PDB file of N, CA and C in Angstrom:
ATOM      1  N   UNK A   1       0.766  -1.091   0.026  1.00  0.00           N
ATOM      2  CA  UNK A   1      -0.129  -0.003  -0.083  1.00  0.00           C
ATOM      3  C   UNK A   1       0.875   1.170  -0.073  1.00  0.00           C
ATOM      4  N   UNK A   2       0.480   2.167  -0.806  1.00  0.00           N
ATOM      5  CA  UNK A   2       1.392   3.448  -0.919  1.00  0.00           C
ATOM      6  C   UNK A   2       0.927   4.477   0.056  1.00  0.00           C
ATOM      7  N   UNK A   3      -0.470   4.378   0.393  1.00  0.00           N
ATOM      8  CA  UNK A   3      -0.700   5.480   1.458  1.00  0.00           C
ATOM      9  C   UNK A   3      -2.252   5.345   1.879  1.00  0.00           C
ATOM     10  N   UNK A   4      -2.389   5.765   3.066  1.00  0.00           N
ATOM     11  CA  UNK A   4      -4.030   5.725   3.430  1.00  0.00           C
ATOM     12  C   UNK A   4      -4.294   7.206   3.923  1.00  0.00           C
ATOM     13  N   UNK A   5      -5.327   7.865   3.530  1.00  0.00           N
ATOM     14  CA  UNK A   5      -5.715   9.227   4.080  1.00  0.00           C
ATOM     15  C   UNK A   5      -7.212   9.302   3.904  1.00  0.00           C
ATOM     16  N   UNK A   6      -7.712  10.042   4.949  1.00  0.00           N
ATOM     17  CA  UNK A   6      -9.085  10.417   5.046  1.00  0.00           C
ATOM     18  C   UNK A   6      -9.292  11.266   3.722  1.00  0.00           C
ATOM     19  N   UNK A   7     -10.549  11.040   3.265  1.00  0.00           N
ATOM     20  CA  UNK A   7     -11.058  11.827   2.055  1.00  0.00           C
ATOM     21  C   UNK A   7     -12.282  12.442   2.514  1.00  0.00           C
ATOM     22  N   UNK A   8     -12.370  13.757   2.560  1.00  0.00           N
ATOM     23  CA  UNK A   8     -13.529  14.652   2.848  1.00  0.00           C
ATOM     24  C   UNK A   8     -14.295  15.218   1.578  1.00  0.00           C
ATOM     25  N   UNK A   9     -15.374  15.012   1.522  1.00  0.00           N
ATOM     26  CA  UNK A   9     -16.159  15.504   0.319  1.00  0.00           C
ATOM     27  C   UNK A   9     -17.181  16.571   0.795  1.00  0.00           C
ATOM     28  N   UNK A  10     -16.976  17.895   0.275  1.00  0.00           N
ATOM     29  CA  UNK A  10     -18.051  18.854   0.493  1.00  0.00           C
ATOM     30  C   UNK A  10     -18.899  19.082  -0.476  1.00  0.00           C
ATOM     31  N   UNK A  11     -19.898  19.910  -0.362  1.00  0.00           N
ATOM     32  CA  UNK A  11     -20.968  19.926  -1.352  1.00  0.00           C
ATOM     33  C   UNK A  11     -20.800  21.476  -1.765  1.00  0.00           C
ATOM     34  N   UNK A  12     -19.788  21.652  -2.502  1.00  0.00           N
ATOM     35  CA  UNK A  12     -19.405  23.015  -3.065  1.00  0.00           C
ATOM     36  C   UNK A  12     -18.566  23.868  -2.328  1.00  0.00           C
ATOM     37  N   UNK A  13     -18.220  23.663  -0.995  1.00  0.00           N
ATOM     38  CA  UNK A  13     -17.461  24.557  -0.087  1.00  0.00           C
ATOM     39  C   UNK A  13     -16.024  24.100  -0.069  1.00  0.00           C
ATOM     40  N   UNK A  14     -15.394  23.122  -0.695  1.00  0.00           N
ATOM     41  CA  UNK A  14     -14.196  22.657  -0.443  1.00  0.00           C
ATOM     42  C   UNK A  14     -13.106  23.754  -0.577  1.00  0.00           C
ATOM     43  N   UNK A  15     -13.140  24.685  -1.464  1.00  0.00           N
ATOM     44  CA  UNK A  15     -12.220  25.709  -1.475  1.00  0.00           C
ATOM     45  C   UNK A  15     -12.474  26.641  -0.377  1.00  0.00           C
ATOM     46  N   UNK A  16     -13.434  27.013   0.037  1.00  0.00           N
ATOM     47  CA  UNK A  16     -13.712  27.839   1.383  1.00  0.00           C
ATOM     48  C   UNK A  16     -13.163  27.237   2.520  1.00  0.00           C
ATOM     49  N   UNK A  17     -13.462  26.009   2.604  1.00  0.00           N
ATOM     50  CA  UNK A  17     -12.834  25.076   3.693  1.00  0.00           C
ATOM     51  C   UNK A  17     -11.368  25.224   3.764  1.00  0.00           C
ATOM     52  N   UNK A  18     -10.920  24.972   2.551  1.00  0.00           N
ATOM     53  CA  UNK A  18      -9.379  24.789   2.612  1.00  0.00           C
ATOM     54  C   UNK A  18      -8.803  26.347   3.122  1.00  0.00           C
ATOM     55  N   UNK A  19      -9.323  27.387   2.542  1.00  0.00           N
ATOM     56  CA  UNK A  19      -8.968  28.660   2.906  1.00  0.00           C
ATOM     57  C   UNK A  19      -9.042  28.998   4.292  1.00  0.00           C
ATOM     58  N   UNK A  20     -10.182  28.440   4.920  1.00  0.00           N
ATOM     59  CA  UNK A  20     -10.401  28.567   6.395  1.00  0.00           C
ATOM     60  C   UNK A  20      -9.451  27.774   7.352  1.00  0.00           C
ATOM     61  N   UNK A  21      -9.276  26.620   6.785  1.00  0.00           N
ATOM     62  CA  UNK A  21      -8.138  25.717   7.462  1.00  0.00           C
ATOM     63  C   UNK A  21      -6.912  26.349   7.336  1.00  0.00           C
ATOM     64  N   UNK A  22      -6.588  26.994   6.318  1.00  0.00           N
ATOM     65  CA  UNK A  22      -5.349  27.663   6.158  1.00  0.00           C
ATOM     66  C   UNK A  22      -4.969  28.868   7.335  1.00  0.00           C
ATOM     67  N   UNK A  23      -6.147  29.443   7.610  1.00  0.00           N
ATOM     68  CA  UNK A  23      -6.047  30.369   8.639  1.00  0.00           C
ATOM     69  C   UNK A  23      -5.885  29.915  10.124  1.00  0.00           C
ATOM     70  N   UNK A  24      -6.412  28.763  10.215  1.00  0.00           N
ATOM     71  CA  UNK A  24      -6.427  28.128  11.673  1.00  0.00           C
ATOM     72  C   UNK A  24      -5.152  27.379  11.762  1.00  0.00           C
ATOM     73  N   UNK A  25      -4.678  26.553  10.898  1.00  0.00           N
ATOM     74  CA  UNK A  25      -3.480  25.684  11.227  1.00  0.00           C
ATOM     75  C   UNK A  25      -2.331  26.434  10.453  1.00  0.00           C
ATOM     76  N   UNK A  26      -1.263  26.764  11.160  1.00  0.00           N
ATOM     77  CA  UNK A  26      -0.035  27.409  10.727  1.00  0.00           C
ATOM     78  C   UNK A  26       0.587  26.647   9.840  1.00  0.00           C
ATOM     79  N   UNK A  27       0.686  25.176  10.181  1.00  0.00           N
ATOM     80  CA  UNK A  27       1.688  24.313   9.213  1.00  0.00           C
ATOM     81  C   UNK A  27       0.955  23.759   8.160  1.00  0.00           C
ATOM     82  N   UNK A  28      -0.308  24.152   7.905  1.00  0.00           N
ATOM     83  CA  UNK A  28      -1.071  23.669   6.748  1.00  0.00           C
ATOM     84  C   UNK A  28      -0.415  23.796   5.452  1.00  0.00           C
ATOM     85  N   UNK A  29      -0.278  22.753   4.555  1.00  0.00           N
ATOM     86  CA  UNK A  29       0.371  22.880   3.209  1.00  0.00           C
ATOM     87  C   UNK A  29      -0.688  22.304   2.305  1.00  0.00           C
ATOM     88  N   UNK A  30      -0.614  22.913   1.215  1.00  0.00           N
ATOM     89  CA  UNK A  30      -1.351  22.448   0.005  1.00  0.00           C
ATOM     90  C   UNK A  30      -0.576  21.601  -0.893  1.00  0.00           C
ATOM     91  N   UNK A  31      -0.670  20.300  -0.855  1.00  0.00           N
ATOM     92  CA  UNK A  31       0.284  19.315  -1.520  1.00  0.00           C
ATOM     93  C   UNK A  31      -0.139  19.147  -3.038  1.00  0.00           C
ATOM     94  N   UNK A  32      -1.496  19.326  -3.158  1.00  0.00           N
ATOM     95  CA  UNK A  32      -1.989  19.193  -4.666  1.00  0.00           C
ATOM     96  C   UNK A  32      -3.429  19.790  -4.764  1.00  0.00           C
ATOM     97  N   UNK A  33      -3.717  20.474  -5.810  1.00  0.00           N
ATOM     98  CA  UNK A  33      -4.810  21.265  -6.115  1.00  0.00           C
ATOM     99  C   UNK A  33      -5.384  21.357  -7.447  1.00  0.00           C
ATOM    100  N   UNK A  34      -6.634  20.686  -7.591  1.00  0.00           N
ATOM    101  CA  UNK A  34      -7.148  20.685  -9.106  1.00  0.00           C
ATOM    102  C   UNK A  34      -8.518  20.888  -9.073  1.00  0.00           C
ATOM    103  N   UNK A  35      -8.946  21.978  -9.858  1.00  0.00           N
ATOM    104  CA  UNK A  35     -10.371  22.176  -9.930  1.00  0.00           C
ATOM    105  C   UNK A  35     -10.875  21.411 -11.072  1.00  0.00           C
ATOM    106  N   UNK A  36     -12.274  21.321 -11.009  1.00  0.00           N
ATOM    107  CA  UNK A  36     -13.232  20.545 -12.129  1.00  0.00           C
ATOM    108  C   UNK A  36     -13.031  21.631 -13.367  1.00  0.00           C
ATOM    109  N   UNK A  37     -12.949  21.247 -14.575  1.00  0.00           N
ATOM    110  CA  UNK A  37     -12.897  21.848 -15.571  1.00  0.00           C
ATOM    111  C   UNK A  37     -14.065  23.035 -15.729  1.00  0.00           C
ATOM    112  N   UNK A  38     -13.733  24.278 -15.937  1.00  0.00           N
ATOM    113  CA  UNK A  38     -14.709  25.524 -16.084  1.00  0.00           C
ATOM    114  C   UNK A  38     -15.533  25.723 -14.933  1.00  0.00           C
ATOM    115  N   UNK A  39     -14.781  25.377 -13.479  1.00  0.00           N
ATOM    116  CA  UNK A  39     -15.607  25.307 -12.440  1.00  0.00           C
ATOM    117  C   UNK A  39     -14.829  25.754 -11.217  1.00  0.00           C
ATOM    118  N   UNK A  40     -15.270  26.459 -10.285  1.00  0.00           N
ATOM    119  CA  UNK A  40     -14.390  26.722  -8.966  1.00  0.00           C
ATOM    120  C   UNK A  40     -14.631  25.733  -7.958  1.00  0.00           C
ATOM    121  N   UNK A  41     -15.155  24.513  -8.244  1.00  0.00           N
ATOM    122  CA  UNK A  41     -15.245  23.432  -7.500  1.00  0.00           C
ATOM    123  C   UNK A  41     -13.892  22.506  -7.340  1.00  0.00           C
ATOM    124  N   UNK A  42     -13.491  22.111  -6.318  1.00  0.00           N
ATOM    125  CA  UNK A  42     -12.357  21.291  -6.333  1.00  0.00           C
ATOM    126  C   UNK A  42     -12.595  19.999  -6.739  1.00  0.00           C
ATOM    127  N   UNK A  43     -11.762  19.521  -7.579  1.00  0.00           N
ATOM    128  CA  UNK A  43     -11.868  18.042  -8.085  1.00  0.00           C
ATOM    129  C   UNK A  43     -11.191  17.218  -6.990  1.00  0.00           C
ATOM    130  N   UNK A  44      -9.933  17.615  -6.700  1.00  0.00           N
ATOM    131  CA  UNK A  44      -9.171  16.887  -5.710  1.00  0.00           C
ATOM    132  C   UNK A  44      -7.974  17.896  -5.202  1.00  0.00           C
ATOM    133  N   UNK A  45      -7.904  17.957  -3.879  1.00  0.00           N
ATOM    134  CA  UNK A  45      -6.724  18.649  -3.226  1.00  0.00           C
ATOM    135  C   UNK A  45      -6.073  17.607  -2.218  1.00  0.00           C
ATOM    136  N   UNK A  46      -4.898  17.810  -2.096  1.00  0.00           N
ATOM    137  CA  UNK A  46      -4.344  17.098  -0.765  1.00  0.00           C
ATOM    138  C   UNK A  46      -3.829  18.122  -0.077  1.00  0.00           C
ATOM    139  N   UNK A  47      -4.107  18.239   1.285  1.00  0.00           N
ATOM    140  CA  UNK A  47      -3.641  19.103   2.285  1.00  0.00           C
ATOM    141  C   UNK A  47      -3.018  18.326   3.305  1.00  0.00           C
ATOM    142  N   UNK A  48      -2.023  18.910   3.887  1.00  0.00           N
ATOM    143  CA  UNK A  48      -1.111  18.329   5.041  1.00  0.00           C
ATOM    144  C   UNK A  48      -1.433  19.301   6.226  1.00  0.00           C
ATOM    145  N   UNK A  49      -1.815  18.720   7.256  1.00  0.00           N
ATOM    146  CA  UNK A  49      -1.818  19.269   8.516  1.00  0.00           C
ATOM    147  C   UNK A  49      -0.925  18.485   9.547  1.00  0.00           C
ATOM    148  N   UNK A  50       0.212  18.892   9.944  1.00  0.00           N
ATOM    149  CA  UNK A  50       1.074  18.246  10.844  1.00  0.00           C
ATOM    150  C   UNK A  50       1.581  16.914   9.892  1.00  0.00           C
ATOM    151  N   UNK A  51       1.371  15.671  10.567  1.00  0.00           N
ATOM    152  CA  UNK A  51       1.853  14.602   9.814  1.00  0.00           C
ATOM    153  C   UNK A  51       0.686  13.916   9.063  1.00  0.00           C
ATOM    154  N   UNK A  52      -0.545  14.533   9.140  1.00  0.00           N
ATOM    155  CA  UNK A  52      -1.668  14.031   8.589  1.00  0.00           C
ATOM    156  C   UNK A  52      -1.920  14.680   7.068  1.00  0.00           C
ATOM    157  N   UNK A  53      -1.974  13.763   6.003  1.00  0.00           N
ATOM    158  CA  UNK A  53      -2.499  14.321   4.776  1.00  0.00           C
ATOM    159  C   UNK A  53      -4.051  13.785   4.526  1.00  0.00           C
ATOM    160  N   UNK A  54      -4.704  14.907   4.042  1.00  0.00           N
ATOM    161  CA  UNK A  54      -6.114  14.716   3.831  1.00  0.00           C
ATOM    162  C   UNK A  54      -6.455  15.124   2.512  1.00  0.00           C
ATOM    163  N   UNK A  55      -7.345  14.102   1.935  1.00  0.00           N
ATOM    164  CA  UNK A  55      -7.703  14.478   0.523  1.00  0.00           C
ATOM    165  C   UNK A  55      -9.037  15.235   0.754  1.00  0.00           C
ATOM    166  N   UNK A  56      -9.240  16.402   0.023  1.00  0.00           N
ATOM    167  CA  UNK A  56     -10.469  17.199  -0.022  1.00  0.00           C
ATOM    168  C   UNK A  56     -11.002  17.466  -1.474  1.00  0.00           C
ATOM    169  N   UNK A  57     -12.285  17.314  -1.462  1.00  0.00           N
ATOM    170  CA  UNK A  57     -12.741  17.506  -2.745  1.00  0.00           C
ATOM    171  C   UNK A  57     -14.349  18.106  -2.726  1.00  0.00           C
ATOM    172  N   UNK A  58     -14.761  18.456  -3.784  1.00  0.00           N
ATOM    173  CA  UNK A  58     -16.242  18.664  -3.633  1.00  0.00           C
ATOM    174  C   UNK A  58     -16.935  17.635  -4.603  1.00  0.00           C
ATOM    175  N   UNK A  59     -18.054  17.108  -4.059  1.00  0.00           N
ATOM    176  CA  UNK A  59     -18.870  16.062  -4.786  1.00  0.00           C
ATOM    177  C   UNK A  59     -19.140  16.726  -6.161  1.00  0.00           C
ATOM    178  N   UNK A  60     -19.147  15.782  -7.210  1.00  0.00           N
ATOM    179  CA  UNK A  60     -19.489  16.266  -8.620  1.00  0.00           C
ATOM    180  C   UNK A  60     -21.112  16.786  -8.556  1.00  0.00           C
ATOM    181  N   UNK A  61     -21.841  15.999  -7.879  1.00  0.00           N
ATOM    182  CA  UNK A  61     -23.261  16.265  -7.775  1.00  0.00           C
ATOM    183  C   UNK A  61     -23.398  16.263  -6.273  1.00  0.00           C
ATOM    184  N   UNK A  62     -24.255  17.447  -5.788  1.00  0.00           N
ATOM    185  CA  UNK A  62     -24.572  17.422  -4.391  1.00  0.00           C
ATOM    186  C   UNK A  62     -25.040  16.343  -3.828  1.00  0.00           C
ATOM    187  N   UNK A  63     -24.693  15.791  -2.613  1.00  0.00           N
ATOM    188  CA  UNK A  63     -25.422  14.568  -2.142  1.00  0.00           C
ATOM    189  C   UNK A  63     -26.234  14.625  -1.083  1.00  0.00           C
ATOM    190  N   UNK A  64     -26.280  15.735  -0.491  1.00  0.00           N
ATOM    191  CA  UNK A  64     -27.242  15.984   0.510  1.00  0.00           C
ATOM    192  C   UNK A  64     -26.865  15.574   1.859  1.00  0.00           C
ATOM    193  N   UNK A  65     -25.681  14.840   1.888  1.00  0.00           N
ATOM    194  CA  UNK A  65     -25.060  14.131   3.082  1.00  0.00           C
ATOM    195  C   UNK A  65     -24.393  15.191   3.809  1.00  0.00           C
ATOM    196  N   UNK A  66     -24.194  14.948   5.244  1.00  0.00           N
ATOM    197  CA  UNK A  66     -23.543  15.875   5.982  1.00  0.00           C
ATOM    198  C   UNK A  66     -22.463  15.055   6.939  1.00  0.00           C
ATOM    199  N   UNK A  67     -21.571  15.505   7.518  1.00  0.00           N
ATOM    200  CA  UNK A  67     -20.676  15.007   8.439  1.00  0.00           C
ATOM    201  C   UNK A  67     -21.425  14.417   9.435  1.00  0.00           C
ATOM    202  N   UNK A  68     -20.882  13.550  10.403  1.00  0.00           N
ATOM    203  CA  UNK A  68     -21.243  13.129  11.584  1.00  0.00           C
ATOM    204  C   UNK A  68     -20.292  12.871  12.667  1.00  0.00           C
ATOM    205  N   UNK A  69     -20.678  12.975  13.806  1.00  0.00           N
ATOM    206  CA  UNK A  69     -19.574  12.805  14.957  1.00  0.00           C
ATOM    207  C   UNK A  69     -18.965  11.485  14.936  1.00  0.00           C
ATOM    208  N   UNK A  70     -19.467  10.425  14.313  1.00  0.00           N
ATOM    209  CA  UNK A  70     -18.805   9.368  14.353  1.00  0.00           C
ATOM    210  C   UNK A  70     -17.493   9.162  13.725  1.00  0.00           C
ATOM    211  N   UNK A  71     -17.390  10.222  12.615  1.00  0.00           N
ATOM    212  CA  UNK A  71     -16.178  10.305  11.915  1.00  0.00           C
ATOM    213  C   UNK A  71     -15.645  11.739  12.025  1.00  0.00           C
ATOM    214  N   UNK A  72     -14.504  11.781  12.752  1.00  0.00           N
ATOM    215  CA  UNK A  72     -13.936  13.101  13.014  1.00  0.00           C
ATOM    216  C   UNK A  72     -12.394  12.983  12.883  1.00  0.00           C
ATOM    217  N   UNK A  73     -11.830  14.141  12.797  1.00  0.00           N
ATOM    218  CA  UNK A  73     -10.346  14.390  12.749  1.00  0.00           C
ATOM    219  C   UNK A  73      -9.727  14.686  14.163  1.00  0.00           C
ATOM    220  N   UNK A  74      -8.776  13.808  14.406  1.00  0.00           N
ATOM    221  CA  UNK A  74      -8.288  13.790  15.823  1.00  0.00           C
ATOM    222  C   UNK A  74      -6.977  14.495  15.869  1.00  0.00           C
ATOM    223  N   UNK A  75      -6.863  15.522  16.653  1.00  0.00           N
ATOM    224  CA  UNK A  75      -5.654  16.345  16.701  1.00  0.00           C
ATOM    225  C   UNK A  75      -5.025  16.237  18.143  1.00  0.00           C
ATOM    226  N   UNK A  76      -3.785  15.673  18.269  1.00  0.00           N
ATOM    227  CA  UNK A  76      -3.042  15.693  19.364  1.00  0.00           C
ATOM    228  C   UNK A  76      -2.411  16.989  19.502  1.00  0.00           C
ATOM    229  N   UNK A  77      -2.553  17.698  20.533  1.00  0.00           N
ATOM    230  CA  UNK A  77      -2.008  19.186  20.667  1.00  0.00           C
ATOM    231  C   UNK A  77      -0.786  19.043  21.414  1.00  0.00           C
ATOM    232  N   UNK A  78       0.262  19.935  21.218  1.00  0.00           N
ATOM    233  CA  UNK A  78       1.645  19.996  21.935  1.00  0.00           C
ATOM    234  C   UNK A  78       1.496  20.853  23.314  1.00  0.00           C
ATOM    235  N   UNK A  79       0.499  21.803  23.384  1.00  0.00           N
ATOM    236  CA  UNK A  79       0.506  22.700  24.569  1.00  0.00           C
ATOM    237  C   UNK A  79      -0.909  23.148  24.727  1.00  0.00           C
ATOM    238  N   UNK A  80      -1.019  23.783  26.049  1.00  0.00           N
ATOM    239  CA  UNK A  80      -2.283  24.278  26.382  1.00  0.00           C
ATOM    240  C   UNK A  80      -2.627  25.539  25.415  1.00  0.00           C
ATOM    241  N   UNK A  81      -1.729  26.305  25.216  1.00  0.00           N
ATOM    242  CA  UNK A  81      -1.953  27.444  24.360  1.00  0.00           C
ATOM    243  C   UNK A  81      -2.349  27.038  22.876  1.00  0.00           C
ATOM    244  N   UNK A  82      -1.866  25.915  22.420  1.00  0.00           N
ATOM    245  CA  UNK A  82      -2.292  25.523  21.125  1.00  0.00           C
ATOM    246  C   UNK A  82      -3.586  24.952  20.946  1.00  0.00           C
ATOM    247  N   UNK A  83      -3.981  23.944  21.966  1.00  0.00           N
ATOM    248  CA  UNK A  83      -5.379  23.441  22.107  1.00  0.00           C
ATOM    249  C   UNK A  83      -6.359  24.591  22.316  1.00  0.00           C
ATOM    250  N   UNK A  84      -6.038  25.714  23.075  1.00  0.00           N
ATOM    251  CA  UNK A  84      -7.096  26.617  23.451  1.00  0.00           C
ATOM    252  C   UNK A  84      -7.202  27.535  21.975  1.00  0.00           C
ATOM    253  N   UNK A  85      -6.078  27.707  21.452  1.00  0.00           N
ATOM    254  CA  UNK A  85      -6.203  28.408  20.060  1.00  0.00           C
ATOM    255  C   UNK A  85      -7.069  27.656  18.913  1.00  0.00           C
ATOM    256  N   UNK A  86      -6.782  26.466  18.894  1.00  0.00           N
ATOM    257  CA  UNK A  86      -7.518  25.694  17.948  1.00  0.00           C
ATOM    258  C   UNK A  86      -9.096  25.629  18.326  1.00  0.00           C
ATOM    259  N   UNK A  87      -9.301  25.355  19.556  1.00  0.00           N
ATOM    260  CA  UNK A  87     -10.764  25.399  20.126  1.00  0.00           C
ATOM    261  C   UNK A  87     -11.349  26.577  19.851  1.00  0.00           C
ATOM    262  N   UNK A  88     -10.892  27.754  20.187  1.00  0.00           N
ATOM    263  CA  UNK A  88     -11.376  28.947  19.800  1.00  0.00           C
ATOM    264  C   UNK A  88     -11.782  29.193  18.377  1.00  0.00           C
ATOM    265  N   UNK A  89     -10.805  28.882  17.551  1.00  0.00           N
ATOM    266  CA  UNK A  89     -10.843  29.073  16.062  1.00  0.00           C
ATOM    267  C   UNK A  89     -11.895  28.180  15.421  1.00  0.00           C
ATOM    268  N   UNK A  90     -11.864  27.021  15.782  1.00  0.00           N
ATOM    269  CA  UNK A  90     -12.750  25.918  15.147  1.00  0.00           C
ATOM    270  C   UNK A  90     -14.274  26.112  15.609  1.00  0.00           C
ATOM    271  N   UNK A  91     -14.388  26.571  16.892  1.00  0.00           N
ATOM    272  CA  UNK A  91     -15.819  26.730  17.309  1.00  0.00           C
ATOM    273  C   UNK A  91     -16.480  27.995  16.796  1.00  0.00           C
ATOM    274  N   UNK A  92     -15.718  28.898  16.070  1.00  0.00           N
ATOM    275  CA  UNK A  92     -16.357  30.085  15.639  1.00  0.00           C
ATOM    276  C   UNK A  92     -17.345  29.754  14.616  1.00  0.00           C
ATOM    277  N   UNK A  93     -18.582  30.161  14.403  1.00  0.00           N
ATOM    278  CA  UNK A  93     -19.428  29.809  13.577  1.00  0.00           C
ATOM    279  C   UNK A  93     -19.785  28.435  13.524  1.00  0.00           C
ATOM    280  N   UNK A  94     -19.386  27.642  14.414  1.00  0.00           N
ATOM    281  CA  UNK A  94     -19.512  26.156  14.682  1.00  0.00           C
ATOM    282  C   UNK A  94     -20.406  25.712  15.709  1.00  0.00           C
ATOM    283  N   UNK A  95     -20.152  24.593  16.286  1.00  0.00           N
ATOM    284  CA  UNK A  95     -20.857  24.212  17.552  1.00  0.00           C
ATOM    285  C   UNK A  95     -19.921  23.261  18.340  1.00  0.00           C
ATOM    286  N   UNK A  96     -19.998  23.427  19.621  1.00  0.00           N
ATOM    287  CA  UNK A  96     -19.342  22.700  20.699  1.00  0.00           C
ATOM    288  C   UNK A  96     -20.118  21.477  20.975  1.00  0.00           C
ATOM    289  N   UNK A  97     -19.560  20.246  20.939  1.00  0.00           N
ATOM    290  CA  UNK A  97     -20.326  19.262  21.321  1.00  0.00           C
ATOM    291  C   UNK A  97     -19.624  18.506  22.591  1.00  0.00           C
ATOM    292  N   UNK A  98     -18.306  18.788  22.948  1.00  0.00           N
ATOM    293  CA  UNK A  98     -17.872  18.414  24.236  1.00  0.00           C
ATOM    294  C   UNK A  98     -16.946  19.645  24.533  1.00  0.00           C
ATOM    295  N   UNK A  99     -17.318  20.350  25.472  1.00  0.00           N
ATOM    296  CA  UNK A  99     -16.527  21.636  25.894  1.00  0.00           C
ATOM    297  C   UNK A  99     -15.088  21.257  26.411  1.00  0.00           C
ATOM    298  N   UNK A 100     -14.265  22.326  25.988  1.00  0.00           N
ATOM    299  CA  UNK A 100     -12.789  21.923  26.262  1.00  0.00           C
ATOM    300  C   UNK A 100     -12.554  21.971  27.943  1.00  0.00           C
ATOM    301  N   UNK A 101     -12.317  20.906  28.555  1.00  0.00           N
ATOM    302  CA  UNK A 101     -12.064  20.820  29.812  1.00  0.00           C
ATOM    303  C   UNK A 101     -10.965  19.750  30.147  1.00  0.00           C
ATOM    304  N   UNK A 102     -10.876  19.469  31.458  1.00  0.00           N
ATOM    305  CA  UNK A 102     -10.032  18.314  31.886  1.00  0.00           C
ATOM    306  C   UNK A 102     -10.856  17.172  32.025  1.00  0.00           C
ATOM    307  N   UNK A 103     -10.465  16.092  31.475  1.00  0.00           N
ATOM    308  CA  UNK A 103     -11.156  14.827  31.587  1.00  0.00           C
ATOM    309  C   UNK A 103     -10.136  13.745  32.018  1.00  0.00           C
ATOM    310  N   UNK A 104     -10.784  12.553  32.521  1.00  0.00           N
ATOM    311  CA  UNK A 104      -9.758  11.504  33.081  1.00  0.00           C
ATOM    312  C   UNK A 104      -8.710  11.200  32.341  1.00  0.00           C
ATOM    313  N   UNK A 105      -8.912  11.008  30.906  1.00  0.00           N
ATOM    314  CA  UNK A 105      -7.524  10.529  30.224  1.00  0.00           C
ATOM    315  C   UNK A 105      -6.759  11.801  29.403  1.00  0.00           C
ATOM    316  N   UNK A 106      -7.247  12.999  29.772  1.00  0.00           N
ATOM    317  CA  UNK A 106      -6.520  14.042  29.081  1.00  0.00           C
ATOM    318  C   UNK A 106      -6.518  15.310  30.059  1.00  0.00           C
ATOM    319  N   UNK A 107      -5.507  16.099  29.845  1.00  0.00           N
ATOM    320  CA  UNK A 107      -5.448  17.288  30.559  1.00  0.00           C
ATOM    321  C   UNK A 107      -6.451  18.322  29.920  1.00  0.00           C
ATOM    322  N   UNK A 108      -6.643  18.215  28.677  1.00  0.00           N
ATOM    323  CA  UNK A 108      -7.666  18.947  28.100  1.00  0.00           C
ATOM    324  C   UNK A 108      -8.153  18.201  26.760  1.00  0.00           C
ATOM    325  N   UNK A 109      -9.600  18.219  26.611  1.00  0.00           N
ATOM    326  CA  UNK A 109     -10.077  17.544  25.448  1.00  0.00           C
ATOM    327  C   UNK A 109     -11.331  18.444  25.073  1.00  0.00           C
ATOM    328  N   UNK A 110     -11.687  18.187  23.763  1.00  0.00           N
ATOM    329  CA  UNK A 110     -12.987  18.853  23.212  1.00  0.00           C
ATOM    330  C   UNK A 110     -13.282  18.256  21.972  1.00  0.00           C
ATOM    331  N   UNK A 111     -14.554  18.316  21.744  1.00  0.00           N
ATOM    332  CA  UNK A 111     -15.165  17.855  20.249  1.00  0.00           C
ATOM    333  C   UNK A 111     -15.839  19.240  19.775  1.00  0.00           C
ATOM    334  N   UNK A 112     -15.387  19.533  18.696  1.00  0.00           N
ATOM    335  CA  UNK A 112     -15.997  20.805  18.014  1.00  0.00           C
ATOM    336  C   UNK A 112     -16.315  20.577  16.631  1.00  0.00           C
ATOM    337  N   UNK A 113     -17.449  20.941  16.046  1.00  0.00           N
ATOM    338  CA  UNK A 113     -17.899  21.029  14.821  1.00  0.00           C
ATOM    339  C   UNK A 113     -17.746  22.240  14.139  1.00  0.00           C
ATOM    340  N   UNK A 114     -16.896  22.360  13.024  1.00  0.00           N
ATOM    341  CA  UNK A 114     -16.613  23.774  12.546  1.00  0.00           C
ATOM    342  C   UNK A 114     -17.759  24.108  11.630  1.00  0.00           C
ATOM    343  N   UNK A 115     -17.503  25.372  11.036  1.00  0.00           N
ATOM    344  CA  UNK A 115     -18.543  25.962  10.398  1.00  0.00           C
ATOM    345  C   UNK A 115     -18.882  25.123   9.105  1.00  0.00           C
ATOM    346  N   UNK A 116     -18.012  24.309   8.705  1.00  0.00           N
ATOM    347  CA  UNK A 116     -18.404  23.517   7.524  1.00  0.00           C
ATOM    348  C   UNK A 116     -18.978  22.258   7.746  1.00  0.00           C
ATOM    349  N   UNK A 117     -19.226  21.904   9.089  1.00  0.00           N
ATOM    350  CA  UNK A 117     -19.782  20.746   9.475  1.00  0.00           C
ATOM    351  C   UNK A 117     -18.990  19.549   9.929  1.00  0.00           C
ATOM    352  N   UNK A 118     -17.538  19.743   9.735  1.00  0.00           N
ATOM    353  CA  UNK A 118     -16.538  18.834  10.060  1.00  0.00           C
ATOM    354  C   UNK A 118     -16.351  18.709  11.610  1.00  0.00           C
ATOM    355  N   UNK A 119     -16.202  17.524  12.058  1.00  0.00           N
ATOM    356  CA  UNK A 119     -15.952  17.210  13.519  1.00  0.00           C
ATOM    357  C   UNK A 119     -14.505  17.143  13.738  1.00  0.00           C
ATOM    358  N   UNK A 120     -14.024  17.902  14.832  1.00  0.00           N
ATOM    359  CA  UNK A 120     -12.582  17.852  15.323  1.00  0.00           C
ATOM    360  C   UNK A 120     -12.608  17.354  16.672  1.00  0.00           C
ATOM    361  N   UNK A 121     -11.764  16.400  16.987  1.00  0.00           N
ATOM    362  CA  UNK A 121     -11.450  15.908  18.379  1.00  0.00           C
ATOM    363  C   UNK A 121     -10.256  16.714  18.770  1.00  0.00           C
ATOM    364  N   UNK A 122     -10.024  17.404  19.742  1.00  0.00           N
ATOM    365  CA  UNK A 122      -8.900  18.131  20.232  1.00  0.00           C
ATOM    366  C   UNK A 122      -8.195  17.522  21.570  1.00  0.00           C
ATOM    367  N   UNK A 123      -6.998  17.003  21.587  1.00  0.00           N
ATOM    368  CA  UNK A 123      -6.682  16.313  22.773  1.00  0.00           C
ATOM    369  C   UNK A 123      -5.265  16.888  23.388  1.00  0.00           C
ATOM    370  N   UNK A 124      -5.162  17.113  24.495  1.00  0.00           N
ATOM    371  CA  UNK A 124      -3.824  17.585  25.123  1.00  0.00           C
ATOM    372  C   UNK A 124      -3.633  16.472  26.235  1.00  0.00           C
ATOM    373  N   UNK A 125      -2.701  15.575  26.076  1.00  0.00           N
ATOM    374  CA  UNK A 125      -2.302  14.622  26.939  1.00  0.00           C
ATOM    375  C   UNK A 125      -1.676  15.050  28.268  1.00  0.00           C
TER     376      UNK A 125
END
């Protein structure tokens, strides 16, 4: 196997999501970017956040599906400052599902749904 990566399909908002994530994650890199012909929709992009590569795309035809909390991106943060910053940025225009707090297995942990509907689990061990 060459690689395994999560693939996230948006309904026409992939470009906006990538721009939004570039503002949140200082180390985000765009490794590949291709639009559909004569369209602003993203055919396929590969972004890198830390050690994680993620394939991002727009569905060719809107699917009407949405993200759910059973599938989320899990981020292991390096410091209290980092987790608080990510929490603050990701919850803006989104939703908090588990508030940032001290839990049994973590110094700080939260589940946030961002403004595009994607779920993020933030952890500080």
